[in-house]
Amino acid sequence: MKRLLLLLLGLSSVAQAVPVQALYPDEVRFVTANAEFTLLHEMGHLLISELQLPVLGREEDAADQLGFMGLFLLHERQRDADFYAKLLDVADYWRLEWQRQRPEAPEVREWDSHALDAQRFFNLACLAYGSDPRQLEWVIQMTGLPDERAFYCPEEYQQVEYAVNWIRQHFARRADQPIRHHLRVEYQTPPLHLPEARELLEKVRASGELEGIAARTSSTFALPRDLKLIVAACGEANAWYNRISGELTLCYERILYFRELARELPRLRQTALQETPPTL
C-alpha cells in the first residue's frame, strides 16, 4: 500500500516529468496521508452500503471514522512519530480547507450531510489525540483542540475502535465461506490534455497494488455483489462511492489538489514530533 500511494502521487518518477517544484518530505507525507484517507473513507461508504452496516448519526461522520481507523489497520505496527504526523496531516487537510480564502469554493451548508470543515478538523484531531494521549499531548497544542473536548477524546477513540472491531468480528467472511463476489479494479484512460495522469495510471496499473487491495477486500468480507474500484481523471478533485452502480471512483485530480494544498502546510509541528519518542 505504501508503494501504491507513492505511485499515486507520482512523487518518485512522474514528478520528474511534470514541471512542478519538488515537494518537501513533510509535504510528501501530507499528500500520501490524505490520499490514503480518501480511499479508505470511500471504502467506508462501500462497506456501509454493501454490508448494510448499522450507522447511528450521519454516514459521512461514520465514513470519516472508518477511514481514520483504516489508517491504523493499514500501518499496523508502524506506530512512530511519522505515523502520528500522518494522522495530524489528515486533520490538517480540513483545517486548510476551513481557513483558505477561496471565494469560488462551494460552501458547505449547515443542513449538508457532511460536517463543516472546521468540525471535521476537530473531530479528526480529537481521534488522533485520543488514540494515544500519553504520547500525543502535543496534538492539543498543535491543533488548538480545547481542553473541554480533549478530555473526552480517549473515550471517543475507544468507542470508534470498539465499533470497527465489532464490524470485523460480525461481518468478516467465514473461512469455510466461498468468495462469490469480487471488488475489481478498472482503469479509465484520461484525456490527452492530462499526460501526467496517463503516465501515472500506467504505473499504478503495472504495480498491481490496487488489485491487491481489491482482493483483500473480497476475501475479508462476503460481498453481496461484484463491485468496482475505478481510477480515472474526472474533471474535478473528487472521490465517491455510487451505491447504485457499486462503483468507487478515485480521481487523479484529487491527488493533484492535495499537492496544491501541501504548499500551505505549516511546518511548526516538526519540533514537537522530534521530541516525541517512537511508540512500538
C-alpha atoms as a PDB file:
ATOM      1  CA  MET A   1       0.000   0.000   0.000  1.00  0.00           C
ATOM      2  CA  LYS A   2       2.834   2.380   0.787  1.00  0.00           C
ATOM      3  CA  ARG A   3       4.295   1.782  -2.686  1.00  0.00           C
ATOM      4  CA  LEU A   4       0.871   2.321  -4.206  1.00  0.00           C
ATOM      5  CA  LEU A   5       0.481   5.778  -2.710  1.00  0.00           C
ATOM      6  CA  LEU A   6       3.917   6.814  -3.918  1.00  0.00           C
ATOM      7  CA  LEU A   7       2.811   5.768  -7.368  1.00  0.00           C
ATOM      8  CA  LEU A   8      -0.485   7.606  -6.990  1.00  0.00           C
ATOM      9  CA  LEU A   9       1.365  10.737  -6.021  1.00  0.00           C
ATOM     10  CA  GLY A  10       3.876  10.367  -8.784  1.00  0.00           C
ATOM     11  CA  LEU A  11       6.451  11.880  -6.437  1.00  0.00           C
ATOM     12  CA  SER A  12       9.272   9.490  -7.266  1.00  0.00           C
ATOM     13  CA  SER A  13       9.001   9.326 -11.038  1.00  0.00           C
ATOM     14  CA  VAL A  14       6.142  11.297 -12.537  1.00  0.00           C
ATOM     15  CA  ALA A  15       7.214  14.438 -10.712  1.00  0.00           C
ATOM     16  CA  GLN A  16      10.365  14.421 -12.827  1.00  0.00           C
ATOM     17  CA  ALA A  17       8.219  14.554 -15.953  1.00  0.00           C
ATOM     18  CA  VAL A  18       5.845  17.229 -14.673  1.00  0.00           C
ATOM     19  CA  PRO A  19       7.257  20.771 -14.413  1.00  0.00           C
ATOM     20  CA  VAL A  20       6.400  21.335 -10.751  1.00  0.00           C
ATOM     21  CA  GLN A  21       8.532  22.222  -7.776  1.00  0.00           C
ATOM     22  CA  ALA A  22       9.705  19.235  -5.761  1.00  0.00           C
ATOM     23  CA  LEU A  23       7.833  18.629  -2.513  1.00  0.00           C
ATOM     24  CA  TYR A  24       9.457  18.697   0.898  1.00  0.00           C
ATOM     25  CA  PRO A  25       9.319  15.455   2.933  1.00  0.00           C
ATOM     26  CA  ASP A  26       6.530  16.758   5.168  1.00  0.00           C
ATOM     27  CA  GLU A  27       4.558  17.751   2.073  1.00  0.00           C
ATOM     28  CA  VAL A  28       5.030  14.263   0.617  1.00  0.00           C
ATOM     29  CA  ARG A  29       3.719  12.807   3.853  1.00  0.00           C
ATOM     30  CA  PHE A  30       0.728  15.175   3.796  1.00  0.00           C
ATOM     31  CA  VAL A  31      -0.282  14.157   0.271  1.00  0.00           C
ATOM     32  CA  THR A  32       0.273  10.460   0.945  1.00  0.00           C
ATOM     33  CA  ALA A  33      -1.734  10.515   4.187  1.00  0.00           C
ATOM     34  CA  ASN A  34      -4.687  12.274   2.594  1.00  0.00           C
ATOM     35  CA  ALA A  35      -4.663  10.053  -0.484  1.00  0.00           C
ATOM     36  CA  GLU A  36      -4.796   7.060   1.851  1.00  0.00           C
ATOM     37  CA  PHE A  37      -7.572   8.594   3.925  1.00  0.00           C
ATOM     38  CA  THR A  38      -9.628   9.482   0.832  1.00  0.00           C
ATOM     39  CA  LEU A  39      -9.509   5.914  -0.441  1.00  0.00           C
ATOM     40  CA  LEU A  40     -10.299   4.485   2.998  1.00  0.00           C
ATOM     41  CA  HIS A  41     -13.137   6.992   3.561  1.00  0.00           C
ATOM     42  CA  GLU A  42     -14.798   5.887   0.326  1.00  0.00           C
ATOM     43  CA  MET A  43     -14.162   2.258   1.234  1.00  0.00           C
ATOM     44  CA  GLY A  44     -16.089   3.066   4.407  1.00  0.00           C
ATOM     45  CA  HIS A  45     -19.077   4.149   2.310  1.00  0.00           C
ATOM     46  CA  LEU A  46     -18.730   0.963   0.261  1.00  0.00           C
ATOM     47  CA  LEU A  47     -18.793  -1.272   3.334  1.00  0.00           C
ATOM     48  CA  ILE A  48     -21.659   0.639   4.971  1.00  0.00           C
ATOM     49  CA  SER A  49     -23.756   0.263   1.842  1.00  0.00           C
ATOM     50  CA  GLU A  50     -22.862  -3.246   0.734  1.00  0.00           C
ATOM     51  CA  LEU A  51     -22.749  -4.924   4.150  1.00  0.00           C
ATOM     52  CA  GLN A  52     -25.672  -2.858   5.458  1.00  0.00           C
ATOM     53  CA  LEU A  53     -23.679  -1.802   8.493  1.00  0.00           C
ATOM     54  CA  PRO A  54     -25.695  -0.134  11.253  1.00  0.00           C
ATOM     55  CA  VAL A  55     -24.977   3.593  11.393  1.00  0.00           C
ATOM     56  CA  LEU A  56     -26.093   5.947  14.156  1.00  0.00           C
ATOM     57  CA  GLY A  57     -25.737   9.553  13.055  1.00  0.00           C
ATOM     58  CA  ARG A  58     -24.554  10.828   9.697  1.00  0.00           C
ATOM     59  CA  GLU A  59     -22.968   8.354   7.317  1.00  0.00           C
ATOM     60  CA  GLU A  60     -20.268  10.890   6.390  1.00  0.00           C
ATOM     61  CA  ASP A  61     -19.133  11.017  10.017  1.00  0.00           C
ATOM     62  CA  ALA A  62     -19.076   7.213  10.151  1.00  0.00           C
ATOM     63  CA  ALA A  63     -17.050   7.074   6.912  1.00  0.00           C
ATOM     64  CA  ASP A  64     -14.549   9.539   8.398  1.00  0.00           C
ATOM     65  CA  GLN A  65     -14.199   7.309  11.452  1.00  0.00           C
ATOM     66  CA  LEU A  66     -13.822   4.161   9.345  1.00  0.00           C
ATOM     67  CA  GLY A  67     -11.240   5.901   7.176  1.00  0.00           C
ATOM     68  CA  PHE A  68      -9.321   7.087  10.234  1.00  0.00           C
ATOM     69  CA  MET A  69      -9.274   3.632  11.805  1.00  0.00           C
ATOM     70  CA  GLY A  70      -8.359   2.190   8.437  1.00  0.00           C
ATOM     71  CA  LEU A  71      -5.070   4.096   8.688  1.00  0.00           C
ATOM     72  CA  PHE A  72      -4.273   2.138  11.867  1.00  0.00           C
ATOM     73  CA  LEU A  73      -5.089  -1.158  10.169  1.00  0.00           C
ATOM     74  CA  LEU A  74      -3.125  -0.123   7.095  1.00  0.00           C
ATOM     75  CA  HIS A  75       0.031   0.702   9.020  1.00  0.00           C
ATOM     76  CA  GLU A  76      -0.467  -1.989  11.678  1.00  0.00           C
ATOM     77  CA  ARG A  77       2.640  -1.888  13.913  1.00  0.00           C
ATOM     78  CA  GLN A  78       4.265   1.111  12.269  1.00  0.00           C
ATOM     79  CA  ARG A  79       3.345   3.493  15.105  1.00  0.00           C
ATOM     80  CA  ASP A  80       6.171   6.017  15.211  1.00  0.00           C
ATOM     81  CA  ALA A  81       6.351   9.794  15.111  1.00  0.00           C
ATOM     82  CA  ASP A  82       5.890   9.762  11.328  1.00  0.00           C
ATOM     83  CA  PHE A  83       2.696   7.702  11.604  1.00  0.00           C
ATOM     84  CA  TYR A  84       1.169  10.078  14.143  1.00  0.00           C
ATOM     85  CA  ALA A  85       2.219  13.019  11.995  1.00  0.00           C
ATOM     86  CA  LYS A  86       0.190  11.435   9.175  1.00  0.00           C
ATOM     87  CA  LEU A  87      -2.865  11.363  11.415  1.00  0.00           C
ATOM     88  CA  LEU A  88      -2.409  15.068  12.031  1.00  0.00           C
ATOM     89  CA  ASP A  89      -1.916  15.629   8.289  1.00  0.00           C
ATOM     90  CA  VAL A  90      -5.389  14.229   7.677  1.00  0.00           C
ATOM     91  CA  ALA A  91      -6.856  16.628  10.234  1.00  0.00           C
ATOM     92  CA  ASP A  92      -4.776  19.482   8.804  1.00  0.00           C
ATOM     93  CA  TYR A  93      -6.352  18.985   5.382  1.00  0.00           C
ATOM     94  CA  TRP A  94      -9.685  20.059   6.837  1.00  0.00           C
ATOM     95  CA  ARG A  95      -8.058  22.967   8.680  1.00  0.00           C
ATOM     96  CA  LEU A  96      -6.609  24.182   5.382  1.00  0.00           C
ATOM     97  CA  GLU A  97      -9.997  23.829   3.676  1.00  0.00           C
ATOM     98  CA  TRP A  98     -11.654  25.654   6.555  1.00  0.00           C
ATOM     99  CA  GLN A  99      -9.220  28.565   6.682  1.00  0.00           C
ATOM    100  CA  ARG A 100      -8.430  29.024   2.989  1.00  0.00           C
ATOM    101  CA  GLN A 101      -9.675  32.180   1.300  1.00  0.00           C
ATOM    102  CA  ARG A 102     -11.494  30.781  -1.747  1.00  0.00           C
ATOM    103  CA  PRO A 103     -14.486  32.874  -2.802  1.00  0.00           C
ATOM    104  CA  GLU A 104     -15.196  30.479  -5.685  1.00  0.00           C
ATOM    105  CA  ALA A 105     -15.289  27.363  -3.483  1.00  0.00           C
ATOM    106  CA  PRO A 106     -18.669  25.722  -2.833  1.00  0.00           C
ATOM    107  CA  GLU A 107     -19.883  26.379   0.688  1.00  0.00           C
ATOM    108  CA  VAL A 108     -20.811  23.519   2.988  1.00  0.00           C
ATOM    109  CA  ARG A 109     -24.205  24.459   4.351  1.00  0.00           C
ATOM    110  CA  GLU A 110     -25.454  23.759   7.862  1.00  0.00           C
ATOM    111  CA  TRP A 111     -28.010  21.257   6.512  1.00  0.00           C
ATOM    112  CA  ASP A 112     -25.449  19.316   4.442  1.00  0.00           C
ATOM    113  CA  SER A 113     -24.818  15.616   5.071  1.00  0.00           C
ATOM    114  CA  HIS A 114     -21.134  16.485   5.574  1.00  0.00           C
ATOM    115  CA  ALA A 115     -19.903  18.150   8.742  1.00  0.00           C
ATOM    116  CA  LEU A 116     -18.430  21.624   8.383  1.00  0.00           C
ATOM    117  CA  ASP A 117     -14.724  21.642   7.540  1.00  0.00           C
ATOM    118  CA  ALA A 118     -13.901  23.060  10.987  1.00  0.00           C
ATOM    119  CA  GLN A 119     -15.876  20.276  12.651  1.00  0.00           C
ATOM    120  CA  ARG A 120     -14.133  17.572  10.624  1.00  0.00           C
ATOM    121  CA  PHE A 121     -10.791  19.098  11.584  1.00  0.00           C
ATOM    122  CA  PHE A 122     -11.528  18.999  15.314  1.00  0.00           C
ATOM    123  CA  ASN A 123     -13.189  15.567  15.114  1.00  0.00           C
ATOM    124  CA  LEU A 124     -10.120  14.017  13.484  1.00  0.00           C
ATOM    125  CA  ALA A 125      -7.706  15.920  15.726  1.00  0.00           C
ATOM    126  CA  CYS A 126      -9.644  14.541  18.704  1.00  0.00           C
ATOM    127  CA  LEU A 127      -9.372  10.962  17.427  1.00  0.00           C
ATOM    128  CA  ALA A 128      -5.662  11.422  16.767  1.00  0.00           C
ATOM    129  CA  TYR A 129      -5.019  12.675  20.302  1.00  0.00           C
ATOM    130  CA  GLY A 130      -7.349  10.104  21.841  1.00  0.00           C
ATOM    131  CA  SER A 131      -5.528   7.225  20.146  1.00  0.00           C
ATOM    132  CA  ASP A 132      -2.514   7.701  22.452  1.00  0.00           C
ATOM    133  CA  PRO A 133      -2.970  10.603  24.907  1.00  0.00           C
ATOM    134  CA  ARG A 134       0.250   9.842  26.794  1.00  0.00           C
ATOM    135  CA  GLN A 135       2.439  10.222  23.717  1.00  0.00           C
ATOM    136  CA  LEU A 136       0.352  12.756  21.812  1.00  0.00           C
ATOM    137  CA  GLU A 137      -0.306  15.571  24.258  1.00  0.00           C
ATOM    138  CA  TRP A 138       1.463  17.850  21.757  1.00  0.00           C
ATOM    139  CA  VAL A 139      -1.514  17.371  19.388  1.00  0.00           C
ATOM    140  CA  ILE A 140      -3.585  19.599  21.676  1.00  0.00           C
ATOM    141  CA  GLN A 141      -1.129  22.445  21.243  1.00  0.00           C
ATOM    142  CA  MET A 142      -0.596  21.875  17.526  1.00  0.00           C
ATOM    143  CA  THR A 143      -4.316  21.846  16.724  1.00  0.00           C
ATOM    144  CA  GLY A 144      -5.751  24.189  19.322  1.00  0.00           C
ATOM    145  CA  LEU A 145      -8.056  21.417  20.494  1.00  0.00           C
ATOM    146  CA  PRO A 146      -9.881  22.870  23.534  1.00  0.00           C
ATOM    147  CA  ASP A 147      -9.386  21.072  26.850  1.00  0.00           C
ATOM    148  CA  GLU A 148     -13.159  20.697  27.146  1.00  0.00           C
ATOM    149  CA  ARG A 149     -13.124  18.419  24.073  1.00  0.00           C
ATOM    150  CA  ALA A 150      -9.693  16.856  24.605  1.00  0.00           C
ATOM    151  CA  PHE A 151     -10.771  15.430  27.975  1.00  0.00           C
ATOM    152  CA  TYR A 152     -13.232  13.096  26.220  1.00  0.00           C
ATOM    153  CA  CYS A 153     -11.071  12.239  23.184  1.00  0.00           C
ATOM    154  CA  PRO A 154      -9.624   8.960  24.588  1.00  0.00           C
ATOM    155  CA  GLU A 155     -13.177   7.789  25.194  1.00  0.00           C
ATOM    156  CA  GLU A 156     -14.229   8.857  21.675  1.00  0.00           C
ATOM    157  CA  TYR A 157     -11.333   6.923  20.180  1.00  0.00           C
ATOM    158  CA  GLN A 158     -12.177   3.825  22.234  1.00  0.00           C
ATOM    159  CA  GLN A 159     -15.775   3.966  21.014  1.00  0.00           C
ATOM    160  CA  VAL A 160     -14.662   4.103  17.369  1.00  0.00           C
ATOM    161  CA  GLU A 161     -12.078   1.351  17.878  1.00  0.00           C
ATOM    162  CA  TYR A 162     -14.714  -0.865  19.515  1.00  0.00           C
ATOM    163  CA  ALA A 163     -17.140  -0.282  16.625  1.00  0.00           C
ATOM    164  CA  VAL A 164     -14.534  -1.186  13.996  1.00  0.00           C
ATOM    165  CA  ASN A 165     -13.520  -4.339  15.876  1.00  0.00           C
ATOM    166  CA  TRP A 166     -17.212  -5.271  16.158  1.00  0.00           C
ATOM    167  CA  ILE A 167     -17.626  -4.864  12.395  1.00  0.00           C
ATOM    168  CA  ARG A 168     -14.620  -7.081  11.744  1.00  0.00           C
ATOM    169  CA  GLN A 169     -15.965  -9.749  14.085  1.00  0.00           C
ATOM    170  CA  HIS A 170     -19.534  -9.784  12.777  1.00  0.00           C
ATOM    171  CA  PHE A 171     -19.122  -9.108   9.067  1.00  0.00           C
ATOM    172  CA  ALA A 172     -15.910 -10.908   8.182  1.00  0.00           C
ATOM    173  CA  ARG A 173     -16.238 -13.769   5.697  1.00  0.00           C
ATOM    174  CA  ARG A 174     -16.037 -17.178   7.341  1.00  0.00           C
ATOM    175  CA  ALA A 175     -13.046 -19.331   6.467  1.00  0.00           C
ATOM    176  CA  ASP A 176     -15.331 -22.002   5.007  1.00  0.00           C
ATOM    177  CA  GLN A 177     -17.389 -19.476   3.037  1.00  0.00           C
ATOM    178  CA  PRO A 178     -16.525 -19.316  -0.696  1.00  0.00           C
ATOM    179  CA  ILE A 179     -15.717 -15.983  -2.360  1.00  0.00           C
ATOM    180  CA  ARG A 180     -18.721 -15.444  -4.618  1.00  0.00           C
ATOM    181  CA  HIS A 181     -18.298 -11.772  -5.454  1.00  0.00           C
ATOM    182  CA  HIS A 182     -15.277  -9.573  -6.027  1.00  0.00           C
ATOM    183  CA  LEU A 183     -14.170  -5.963  -5.900  1.00  0.00           C
ATOM    184  CA  ARG A 184     -12.443  -5.459  -9.249  1.00  0.00           C
ATOM    185  CA  VAL A 185     -10.219  -2.624 -10.443  1.00  0.00           C
ATOM    186  CA  GLU A 186     -10.863  -0.649 -13.613  1.00  0.00           C
ATOM    187  CA  TYR A 187      -8.536   1.957 -15.107  1.00  0.00           C
ATOM    188  CA  GLN A 188     -10.097   4.577 -17.352  1.00  0.00           C
ATOM    189  CA  THR A 189      -7.895   6.317 -19.894  1.00  0.00           C
ATOM    190  CA  PRO A 190      -7.547  10.011 -19.020  1.00  0.00           C
ATOM    191  CA  PRO A 191      -7.905  12.675 -21.733  1.00  0.00           C
ATOM    192  CA  LEU A 192      -4.975  13.779 -23.870  1.00  0.00           C
ATOM    193  CA  HIS A 193      -4.665  17.113 -22.075  1.00  0.00           C
ATOM    194  CA  LEU A 194      -3.608  15.258 -18.883  1.00  0.00           C
ATOM    195  CA  PRO A 195      -0.419  13.471 -19.975  1.00  0.00           C
ATOM    196  CA  GLU A 196       0.845  13.232 -16.391  1.00  0.00           C
ATOM    197  CA  ALA A 197      -2.309  11.327 -15.449  1.00  0.00           C
ATOM    198  CA  ARG A 198      -1.766   8.898 -18.330  1.00  0.00           C
ATOM    199  CA  GLU A 199       1.765   8.118 -17.208  1.00  0.00           C
ATOM    200  CA  LEU A 200       0.732   7.831 -13.582  1.00  0.00           C
ATOM    201  CA  LEU A 201      -2.136   5.435 -14.255  1.00  0.00           C
ATOM    202  CA  GLU A 202       0.149   3.210 -16.315  1.00  0.00           C
ATOM    203  CA  LYS A 203       2.487   2.904 -13.331  1.00  0.00           C
ATOM    204  CA  VAL A 204      -0.353   2.211 -10.907  1.00  0.00           C
ATOM    205  CA  ARG A 205      -1.736  -0.480 -13.229  1.00  0.00           C
ATOM    206  CA  ALA A 206       1.690  -2.081 -13.606  1.00  0.00           C
ATOM    207  CA  SER A 207       2.229  -2.155  -9.830  1.00  0.00           C
ATOM    208  CA  GLY A 208      -0.775  -4.378  -9.136  1.00  0.00           C
ATOM    209  CA  GLU A 209      -1.213  -2.704  -5.734  1.00  0.00           C
ATOM    210  CA  LEU A 210      -4.853  -1.754  -6.222  1.00  0.00           C
ATOM    211  CA  GLU A 211      -5.634  -5.280  -7.321  1.00  0.00           C
ATOM    212  CA  GLY A 212      -4.095  -6.457  -4.049  1.00  0.00           C
ATOM    213  CA  ILE A 213      -6.358  -4.133  -2.043  1.00  0.00           C
ATOM    214  CA  ALA A 214      -9.386  -5.302  -4.003  1.00  0.00           C
ATOM    215  CA  ALA A 215      -8.501  -8.949  -3.483  1.00  0.00           C
ATOM    216  CA  ARG A 216      -8.061  -8.412   0.262  1.00  0.00           C
ATOM    217  CA  THR A 217     -11.454  -6.730   0.497  1.00  0.00           C
ATOM    218  CA  SER A 218     -13.090  -9.564  -1.469  1.00  0.00           C
ATOM    219  CA  SER A 219     -11.537 -12.206   0.751  1.00  0.00           C
ATOM    220  CA  THR A 220     -12.145 -10.401   4.065  1.00  0.00           C
ATOM    221  CA  PHE A 221     -15.854  -9.668   3.575  1.00  0.00           C
ATOM    222  CA  ALA A 222     -18.680 -11.631   1.954  1.00  0.00           C
ATOM    223  CA  LEU A 223     -19.665  -9.037  -0.620  1.00  0.00           C
ATOM    224  CA  PRO A 224     -23.268  -9.290  -1.840  1.00  0.00           C
ATOM    225  CA  ARG A 225     -22.402  -8.447  -5.468  1.00  0.00           C
ATOM    226  CA  ASP A 226     -19.496  -7.649  -7.766  1.00  0.00           C
ATOM    227  CA  LEU A 227     -18.116  -4.118  -7.239  1.00  0.00           C
ATOM    228  CA  LYS A 228     -15.636  -1.826  -8.983  1.00  0.00           C
ATOM    229  CA  LEU A 229     -12.757   0.391  -7.872  1.00  0.00           C
ATOM    230  CA  ILE A 230     -12.249   2.882 -10.687  1.00  0.00           C
ATOM    231  CA  VAL A 231      -9.174   5.083 -11.111  1.00  0.00           C
ATOM    232  CA  ALA A 232      -9.853   7.910 -13.530  1.00  0.00           C
ATOM    233  CA  ALA A 233      -9.489  11.532 -14.474  1.00  0.00           C
ATOM    234  CA  CYS A 234     -12.850  13.032 -13.521  1.00  0.00           C
ATOM    235  CA  GLY A 235     -12.594  16.703 -14.397  1.00  0.00           C
ATOM    236  CA  GLU A 236     -12.809  17.577 -10.695  1.00  0.00           C
ATOM    237  CA  ALA A 237     -10.848  16.967  -7.488  1.00  0.00           C
ATOM    238  CA  ASN A 238     -13.152  14.360  -6.028  1.00  0.00           C
ATOM    239  CA  ALA A 239     -13.748  10.767  -4.974  1.00  0.00           C
ATOM    240  CA  TRP A 240     -17.034   8.996  -4.314  1.00  0.00           C
ATOM    241  CA  TYR A 241     -18.908   5.728  -3.952  1.00  0.00           C
ATOM    242  CA  ASN A 242     -22.005   5.158  -6.102  1.00  0.00           C
ATOM    243  CA  ARG A 243     -24.199   2.730  -4.182  1.00  0.00           C
ATOM    244  CA  ILE A 244     -26.488   2.192  -7.186  1.00  0.00           C
ATOM    245  CA  SER A 245     -23.766   1.069  -9.603  1.00  0.00           C
ATOM    246  CA  GLY A 246     -21.457  -0.304  -6.910  1.00  0.00           C
ATOM    247  CA  GLU A 247     -18.517   1.766  -8.154  1.00  0.00           C
ATOM    248  CA  LEU A 248     -15.868   3.538  -6.070  1.00  0.00           C
ATOM    249  CA  THR A 249     -14.134   6.258  -8.081  1.00  0.00           C
ATOM    250  CA  LEU A 250     -10.794   7.806  -7.119  1.00  0.00           C
ATOM    251  CA  CYS A 251      -9.932  10.862  -9.229  1.00  0.00           C
ATOM    252  CA  TYR A 252      -6.392  11.753 -10.165  1.00  0.00           C
ATOM    253  CA  GLU A 253      -7.325  15.437  -9.795  1.00  0.00           C
ATOM    254  CA  ARG A 254      -7.914  14.799  -6.107  1.00  0.00           C
ATOM    255  CA  ILE A 255      -4.260  13.861  -5.665  1.00  0.00           C
ATOM    256  CA  LEU A 256      -3.149  16.965  -7.565  1.00  0.00           C
ATOM    257  CA  TYR A 257      -5.313  19.048  -5.251  1.00  0.00           C
ATOM    258  CA  PHE A 258      -3.578  17.580  -2.212  1.00  0.00           C
ATOM    259  CA  ARG A 259      -0.264  18.613  -3.763  1.00  0.00           C
ATOM    260  CA  GLU A 260      -1.594  22.144  -4.140  1.00  0.00           C
ATOM    261  CA  LEU A 261      -2.702  22.281  -0.510  1.00  0.00           C
ATOM    262  CA  ALA A 262       0.603  20.804   0.688  1.00  0.00           C
ATOM    263  CA  ARG A 263       2.282  24.083  -0.273  1.00  0.00           C
ATOM    264  CA  GLU A 264       0.308  25.738   2.506  1.00  0.00           C
ATOM    265  CA  LEU A 265       1.139  23.146   5.165  1.00  0.00           C
ATOM    266  CA  PRO A 266       2.650  24.723   8.299  1.00  0.00           C
ATOM    267  CA  ARG A 267       5.927  23.142   9.388  1.00  0.00           C
ATOM    268  CA  LEU A 268       5.676  24.244  13.031  1.00  0.00           C
ATOM    269  CA  ARG A 269       4.937  20.720  14.233  1.00  0.00           C
ATOM    270  CA  GLN A 270       8.341  19.309  13.303  1.00  0.00           C
ATOM    271  CA  THR A 271       9.971  20.295  16.611  1.00  0.00           C
ATOM    272  CA  ALA A 272       7.206  18.594  18.578  1.00  0.00           C
ATOM    273  CA  LEU A 273       7.500  15.443  16.504  1.00  0.00           C
ATOM    274  CA  GLN A 274      11.238  15.235  17.036  1.00  0.00           C
ATOM    275  CA  GLU A 275      10.661  15.384  20.779  1.00  0.00           C
ATOM    276  CA  THR A 276       8.088  12.578  20.676  1.00  0.00           C
ATOM    277  CA  PRO A 277       9.639   9.138  21.328  1.00  0.00           C
ATOM    278  CA  PRO A 278       8.580   6.372  18.902  1.00  0.00           C
ATOM    279  CA  THR A 279       5.703   4.186  20.029  1.00  0.00           C
ATOM    280  CA  LEU A 280       6.162   0.479  19.233  1.00  0.00           C
END
